[in-house]
């Protein structure tokens, strides 16, 4: 998924083909991809976290 996003962003003509992942690597691969995608959208994620924090603080009062 991340390779396809990078290729689209760079406007490269590429064909991305996924391969099966062994079951024992799923947890690590999932966490790695989650962190990588989150970091590539830092501003959006920080904005959402800030918004959720403000909403949470407003509910306390």
N, C-alpha and C. Protein backbone atom coordinates (compact mmCIF):
# COMPACT_ATOMS: atom_id res chain seq x y z
N UNK A 1 0.82 -1.18 0.00
CA UNK A 1 0.00 0.00 0.00
C UNK A 1 0.88 1.26 0.00
N UNK A 2 1.87 1.26 0.86
CA UNK A 2 2.72 2.45 0.98
C UNK A 2 3.51 2.68 -0.30
N UNK A 3 3.96 1.62 -0.96
CA UNK A 3 4.70 1.76 -2.22
C UNK A 3 3.81 2.39 -3.29
N UNK A 4 2.55 2.01 -3.33
CA UNK A 4 1.61 2.59 -4.30
C UNK A 4 1.38 4.07 -4.01
N UNK A 5 1.27 4.43 -2.73
CA UNK A 5 1.09 5.84 -2.37
C UNK A 5 2.29 6.67 -2.79
N UNK A 6 3.47 6.16 -2.57
CA UNK A 6 4.69 6.89 -2.94
C UNK A 6 4.79 7.03 -4.45
N UNK A 7 4.48 5.96 -5.18
CA UNK A 7 4.53 6.02 -6.65
C UNK A 7 3.54 7.03 -7.20
N UNK A 8 2.33 7.07 -6.64
CA UNK A 8 1.34 8.06 -7.09
C UNK A 8 1.79 9.47 -6.77
N UNK A 9 2.35 9.67 -5.59
CA UNK A 9 2.80 11.00 -5.18
C UNK A 9 3.90 11.51 -6.10
N UNK A 10 4.79 10.63 -6.52
CA UNK A 10 5.90 11.00 -7.41
C UNK A 10 5.49 10.99 -8.87
N UNK A 11 4.23 10.61 -9.13
CA UNK A 11 3.70 10.52 -10.50
C UNK A 11 4.53 9.59 -11.37
N UNK A 12 4.97 8.50 -10.78
CA UNK A 12 5.74 7.49 -11.50
C UNK A 12 4.78 6.47 -12.09
N UNK A 13 5.10 6.03 -13.29
CA UNK A 13 4.31 4.97 -13.89
C UNK A 13 4.84 3.66 -13.33
N UNK A 14 4.08 3.08 -12.43
CA UNK A 14 4.53 1.86 -11.77
C UNK A 14 3.37 0.91 -11.59
N UNK A 15 3.68 -0.34 -11.57
CA UNK A 15 2.68 -1.36 -11.29
C UNK A 15 3.09 -2.01 -9.98
N UNK A 16 2.26 -1.84 -8.97
CA UNK A 16 2.56 -2.36 -7.64
C UNK A 16 1.85 -3.69 -7.46
N UNK A 17 2.60 -4.71 -7.11
CA UNK A 17 2.04 -6.03 -6.92
C UNK A 17 2.39 -6.49 -5.51
N UNK A 18 1.38 -6.82 -4.74
CA UNK A 18 1.60 -7.30 -3.38
C UNK A 18 1.94 -8.78 -3.37
N UNK A 19 2.60 -9.19 -2.33
CA UNK A 19 2.92 -10.60 -2.16
C UNK A 19 2.41 -11.06 -0.79
N UNK A 20 2.15 -12.34 -0.65
CA UNK A 20 1.68 -12.84 0.63
C UNK A 20 2.72 -12.65 1.73
N UNK A 21 2.25 -12.38 2.93
CA UNK A 21 3.13 -12.23 4.07
C UNK A 21 2.91 -13.41 5.00
N UNK A 22 4.01 -13.98 5.46
CA UNK A 22 3.91 -15.11 6.39
C UNK A 22 3.20 -14.65 7.66
N UNK A 23 2.41 -15.54 8.23
CA UNK A 23 1.60 -15.21 9.41
C UNK A 23 2.44 -14.69 10.57
N UNK A 24 3.64 -15.22 10.73
CA UNK A 24 4.47 -14.80 11.87
C UNK A 24 4.95 -13.35 11.73
N UNK A 25 4.93 -12.80 10.52
CA UNK A 25 5.38 -11.41 10.31
C UNK A 25 4.25 -10.40 10.36
N UNK A 26 2.98 -10.85 10.40
CA UNK A 26 1.83 -9.94 10.35
C UNK A 26 1.86 -8.86 11.43
N UNK A 27 2.05 -9.18 12.70
CA UNK A 27 2.02 -8.12 13.72
C UNK A 27 3.07 -7.04 13.47
N UNK A 28 4.29 -7.45 13.21
CA UNK A 28 5.37 -6.48 12.99
C UNK A 28 5.14 -5.67 11.71
N UNK A 29 4.70 -6.33 10.65
CA UNK A 29 4.45 -5.63 9.38
C UNK A 29 3.30 -4.64 9.52
N UNK A 30 2.26 -5.03 10.24
CA UNK A 30 1.11 -4.14 10.44
C UNK A 30 1.50 -2.90 11.23
N UNK A 31 2.24 -3.09 12.30
CA UNK A 31 2.69 -1.95 13.11
C UNK A 31 3.61 -1.05 12.30
N UNK A 32 4.55 -1.65 11.54
CA UNK A 32 5.48 -0.86 10.72
C UNK A 32 4.73 -0.01 9.70
N UNK A 33 3.76 -0.59 9.02
CA UNK A 33 3.00 0.16 8.02
C UNK A 33 2.14 1.23 8.67
N UNK A 34 1.53 0.93 9.80
CA UNK A 34 0.73 1.93 10.51
C UNK A 34 1.58 3.14 10.89
N UNK A 35 2.74 2.89 11.46
CA UNK A 35 3.63 3.98 11.87
C UNK A 35 4.11 4.77 10.65
N UNK A 36 4.47 4.08 9.59
CA UNK A 36 4.97 4.76 8.39
C UNK A 36 3.91 5.64 7.76
N UNK A 37 2.69 5.14 7.65
CA UNK A 37 1.61 5.94 7.06
C UNK A 37 1.25 7.10 7.98
N UNK A 38 1.24 6.86 9.28
CA UNK A 38 0.95 7.93 10.24
C UNK A 38 1.98 9.04 10.15
N UNK A 39 3.24 8.67 10.04
CA UNK A 39 4.30 9.68 9.96
C UNK A 39 4.27 10.42 8.62
N UNK A 40 3.81 9.76 7.57
CA UNK A 40 3.76 10.45 6.29
C UNK A 40 2.62 11.47 6.23
N UNK A 41 1.67 11.39 7.16
CA UNK A 41 0.57 12.34 7.25
C UNK A 41 0.58 13.02 8.62
N UNK A 42 1.74 13.49 9.04
CA UNK A 42 1.91 14.05 10.38
C UNK A 42 0.96 15.19 10.68
N UNK A 43 0.88 16.15 9.78
CA UNK A 43 0.07 17.34 10.04
C UNK A 43 -1.39 16.96 10.25
N UNK A 44 -1.91 16.14 9.38
CA UNK A 44 -3.30 15.70 9.51
C UNK A 44 -3.52 14.95 10.82
N UNK A 45 -2.63 14.02 11.14
CA UNK A 45 -2.79 13.25 12.37
C UNK A 45 -2.65 14.12 13.62
N UNK A 46 -1.72 15.05 13.62
CA UNK A 46 -1.58 15.95 14.77
C UNK A 46 -2.81 16.84 14.91
N UNK A 47 -3.35 17.29 13.78
CA UNK A 47 -4.56 18.11 13.82
C UNK A 47 -5.74 17.34 14.40
N UNK A 48 -5.90 16.10 13.98
CA UNK A 48 -6.99 15.29 14.50
C UNK A 48 -6.80 15.02 15.99
N UNK A 49 -5.57 14.71 16.40
CA UNK A 49 -5.30 14.47 17.83
C UNK A 49 -5.57 15.72 18.65
N UNK A 50 -5.17 16.88 18.14
CA UNK A 50 -5.42 18.13 18.85
C UNK A 50 -6.92 18.39 18.97
N UNK A 51 -7.65 18.16 17.90
CA UNK A 51 -9.09 18.35 17.92
C UNK A 51 -9.76 17.42 18.94
N UNK A 52 -9.35 16.17 18.96
CA UNK A 52 -9.90 15.22 19.93
C UNK A 52 -9.55 15.62 21.37
N UNK A 53 -8.35 16.14 21.57
CA UNK A 53 -7.94 16.58 22.91
C UNK A 53 -8.79 17.77 23.36
N UNK A 54 -9.03 18.71 22.46
CA UNK A 54 -9.85 19.88 22.80
C UNK A 54 -11.28 19.45 23.12
N UNK A 55 -11.81 18.55 22.31
CA UNK A 55 -13.18 18.06 22.58
C UNK A 55 -13.23 17.37 23.94
N UNK A 56 -12.21 16.57 24.23
CA UNK A 56 -12.17 15.89 25.53
C UNK A 56 -12.07 16.87 26.68
N UNK A 57 -11.28 17.91 26.51
CA UNK A 57 -11.16 18.93 27.57
C UNK A 57 -12.46 19.70 27.74
N UNK A 58 -13.14 20.00 26.66
CA UNK A 58 -14.40 20.73 26.76
C UNK A 58 -15.47 19.90 27.45
N UNK A 59 -15.43 18.61 27.31
CA UNK A 59 -16.43 17.75 27.98
C UNK A 59 -16.20 17.67 29.46
N UNK A 60 -14.98 17.99 29.91
CA UNK A 60 -14.71 17.96 31.35
C UNK A 60 -15.37 19.12 32.06
N UNK A 61 -15.63 20.19 31.33
CA UNK A 61 -16.18 21.39 31.97
C UNK A 61 -17.65 21.52 31.77
